[in-house]
Amino acid sequence: VVSTQSTGDFSDSYNNLSRKVVWGFQYVLTNFDFTFCVKVDEDSFLNMAYLAAHLTQVEPLTLPNFYAGKPRQGDLKVPKHGKFKVDHWENDEIDVFVEYNLGGGYILTQESMSKILSVHKAEAIEVIAWED
């Protein structure tokens, strides 16, 4: 059983990946003071020394909107049938997702993570089962 989003108490399932990421963002923002946050899949490997060396070169003016990762261009069809179908889609005439960030790994700053959550809350964005 999945309880409220604010507790982070979710059953571990594919359909809850997006909820877990949103909850993770909320948890990190509430409990840590940070410049960069790296999100990677559990089967990923990071060369932290290499990553840290490159992040120290990021221009401070870019930090409020900083994102590093791999965006997926709007070429992925919205699945309307089968295992990965999206039940609720705000515009059935649109048959591809807009550009989004692949979830295998990305880096956000505290400011950019806050902005993502504020848009998520302000626009009451429905969380769909499509995290990466």
Protein backbone atom coordinates (compact mmCIF):
# COMPACT_ATOMS: atom_id res chain seq x y z
CA VAL A 1 0.00 0.00 0.00
CA VAL A 2 1.28 3.44 -0.91
CA SER A 3 0.72 6.11 1.71
CA THR A 4 0.99 9.87 1.32
CA GLN A 5 3.70 11.43 -0.76
CA SER A 6 4.97 13.49 2.17
CA THR A 7 6.13 10.44 4.15
CA GLY A 8 8.01 8.69 1.38
CA ASP A 9 6.35 5.43 2.40
CA PHE A 10 5.93 3.75 -0.98
CA SER A 11 5.77 0.20 -2.17
CA ASP A 12 8.83 -0.44 -4.29
CA SER A 13 7.35 -0.78 -7.76
CA TYR A 14 7.88 0.53 -11.26
CA ASN A 15 4.70 2.63 -11.00
CA ASN A 16 6.14 4.50 -8.01
CA LEU A 17 9.52 5.49 -9.48
CA SER A 18 8.44 9.08 -10.18
CA ARG A 19 6.89 9.45 -6.72
CA LYS A 20 10.08 8.17 -5.13
CA VAL A 21 12.17 10.72 -7.04
CA VAL A 22 9.86 13.58 -6.01
CA TRP A 23 9.94 12.41 -2.41
CA GLY A 24 13.74 12.04 -2.62
CA PHE A 25 14.03 15.65 -3.80
CA GLN A 26 11.84 16.79 -0.90
CA TYR A 27 13.91 14.78 1.58
CA VAL A 28 17.25 16.06 0.30
CA LEU A 29 16.07 19.70 0.29
CA THR A 30 14.72 19.38 3.85
CA ASN A 31 17.68 17.58 5.39
CA PHE A 32 20.82 18.75 3.58
CA ASP A 33 22.59 21.95 2.61
CA PHE A 34 24.34 21.26 -0.69
CA THR A 35 25.60 22.79 -3.89
CA PHE A 36 25.17 19.73 -6.12
CA CYS A 37 23.07 16.59 -5.80
CA VAL A 38 23.76 13.60 -8.02
CA LYS A 39 20.96 11.14 -8.75
CA VAL A 40 22.00 7.89 -10.39
CA ASP A 41 20.47 4.47 -10.84
CA GLU A 42 21.68 1.80 -8.46
CA ASP A 43 23.48 -0.01 -11.27
CA SER A 44 25.54 3.07 -12.25
CA PHE A 45 29.18 3.76 -11.54
CA LEU A 46 30.54 7.26 -10.96
CA ASN A 47 34.13 8.41 -11.00
CA MET A 48 33.64 10.86 -8.12
CA ALA A 49 37.11 12.43 -8.37
CA TYR A 50 36.56 13.21 -12.07
CA LEU A 51 33.03 14.50 -11.42
CA ALA A 52 34.11 16.68 -8.48
CA ALA A 53 36.97 18.18 -10.54
CA HIS A 54 34.53 19.18 -13.28
CA LEU A 55 31.86 20.52 -10.93
CA THR A 56 34.36 22.89 -9.31
CA GLN A 57 34.66 24.56 -12.73
CA VAL A 58 30.93 25.35 -13.02
CA GLU A 59 30.33 29.10 -13.30
CA PRO A 60 28.49 30.34 -10.17
CA LEU A 61 26.02 32.35 -12.27
CA THR A 62 24.70 29.14 -13.84
CA LEU A 63 23.96 27.48 -10.49
CA PRO A 64 20.31 28.60 -10.03
CA ASN A 65 19.28 26.76 -13.21
CA PHE A 66 21.98 24.10 -13.32
CA TYR A 67 21.18 20.68 -14.71
CA ALA A 68 23.63 18.16 -16.08
CA GLY A 69 22.39 14.96 -17.60
CA LYS A 70 20.99 13.66 -20.83
CA PRO A 71 17.69 15.12 -22.00
CA ARG A 72 15.51 12.99 -24.23
CA GLN A 73 14.21 14.95 -27.18
CA GLY A 74 10.45 14.80 -27.77
CA ASP A 75 10.55 11.61 -29.79
CA LEU A 76 9.14 9.07 -27.36
CA LYS A 77 5.57 8.01 -28.10
CA VAL A 78 3.05 8.17 -25.27
CA PRO A 79 2.14 4.53 -24.59
CA LYS A 80 -1.65 4.24 -24.67
CA HIS A 81 -1.81 0.45 -24.39
CA GLY A 82 0.13 -2.33 -22.73
CA LYS A 83 2.29 -2.57 -19.62
CA PHE A 84 3.61 1.01 -19.75
CA LYS A 85 0.41 2.77 -20.82
CA VAL A 86 -0.30 6.22 -19.43
CA ASP A 87 -3.90 6.20 -18.17
CA HIS A 88 -4.38 9.94 -17.79
CA TRP A 89 -2.99 12.18 -20.48
CA GLU A 90 -4.03 15.82 -20.57
CA ASN A 91 -4.14 16.00 -24.35
CA ASP A 92 -4.97 12.82 -26.24
CA GLU A 93 -4.05 14.50 -29.53
CA ILE A 94 -0.38 14.68 -28.51
CA ASP A 95 1.24 11.34 -29.21
CA VAL A 96 4.82 12.03 -28.02
CA PHE A 97 6.20 13.16 -24.67
CA VAL A 98 7.75 16.61 -24.52
CA GLU A 99 11.51 16.77 -23.91
CA TYR A 100 12.37 15.27 -20.54
CA ASN A 101 15.45 14.18 -18.63
CA LEU A 102 16.55 10.58 -18.76
CA GLY A 103 16.75 9.20 -15.24
CA GLY A 104 19.88 7.05 -15.40
CA GLY A 105 21.84 9.88 -13.87
CA TYR A 106 21.76 13.63 -13.54
CA ILE A 107 23.05 16.46 -11.38
CA LEU A 108 21.01 19.30 -9.92
CA THR A 109 21.81 22.20 -7.63
CA GLN A 110 19.79 23.05 -4.55
CA GLU A 111 18.21 25.96 -6.44
CA SER A 112 17.30 23.97 -9.54
CA MET A 113 15.88 21.11 -7.45
CA SER A 114 13.75 23.63 -5.51
CA LYS A 115 12.45 25.08 -8.78
CA ILE A 116 11.48 21.66 -10.08
CA LEU A 117 9.53 20.91 -6.89
CA SER A 118 7.85 24.32 -6.84
CA VAL A 119 6.57 23.80 -10.40
CA HIS A 120 5.48 20.28 -9.49
CA LYS A 121 3.48 21.61 -6.51
CA ALA A 122 2.16 24.83 -8.08
CA GLU A 123 0.87 23.18 -11.22
CA ALA A 124 -0.40 20.07 -9.44
CA ILE A 125 1.47 17.97 -11.97
CA GLU A 126 0.24 14.41 -11.98
CA VAL A 127 3.00 11.94 -11.34
CA ILE A 128 3.01 9.27 -14.02
CA ALA A 129 4.91 6.00 -14.05
CA TRP A 130 7.68 7.25 -16.23
CA GLU A 131 10.82 8.28 -14.39
CA ASP A 132 13.48 7.60 -16.95
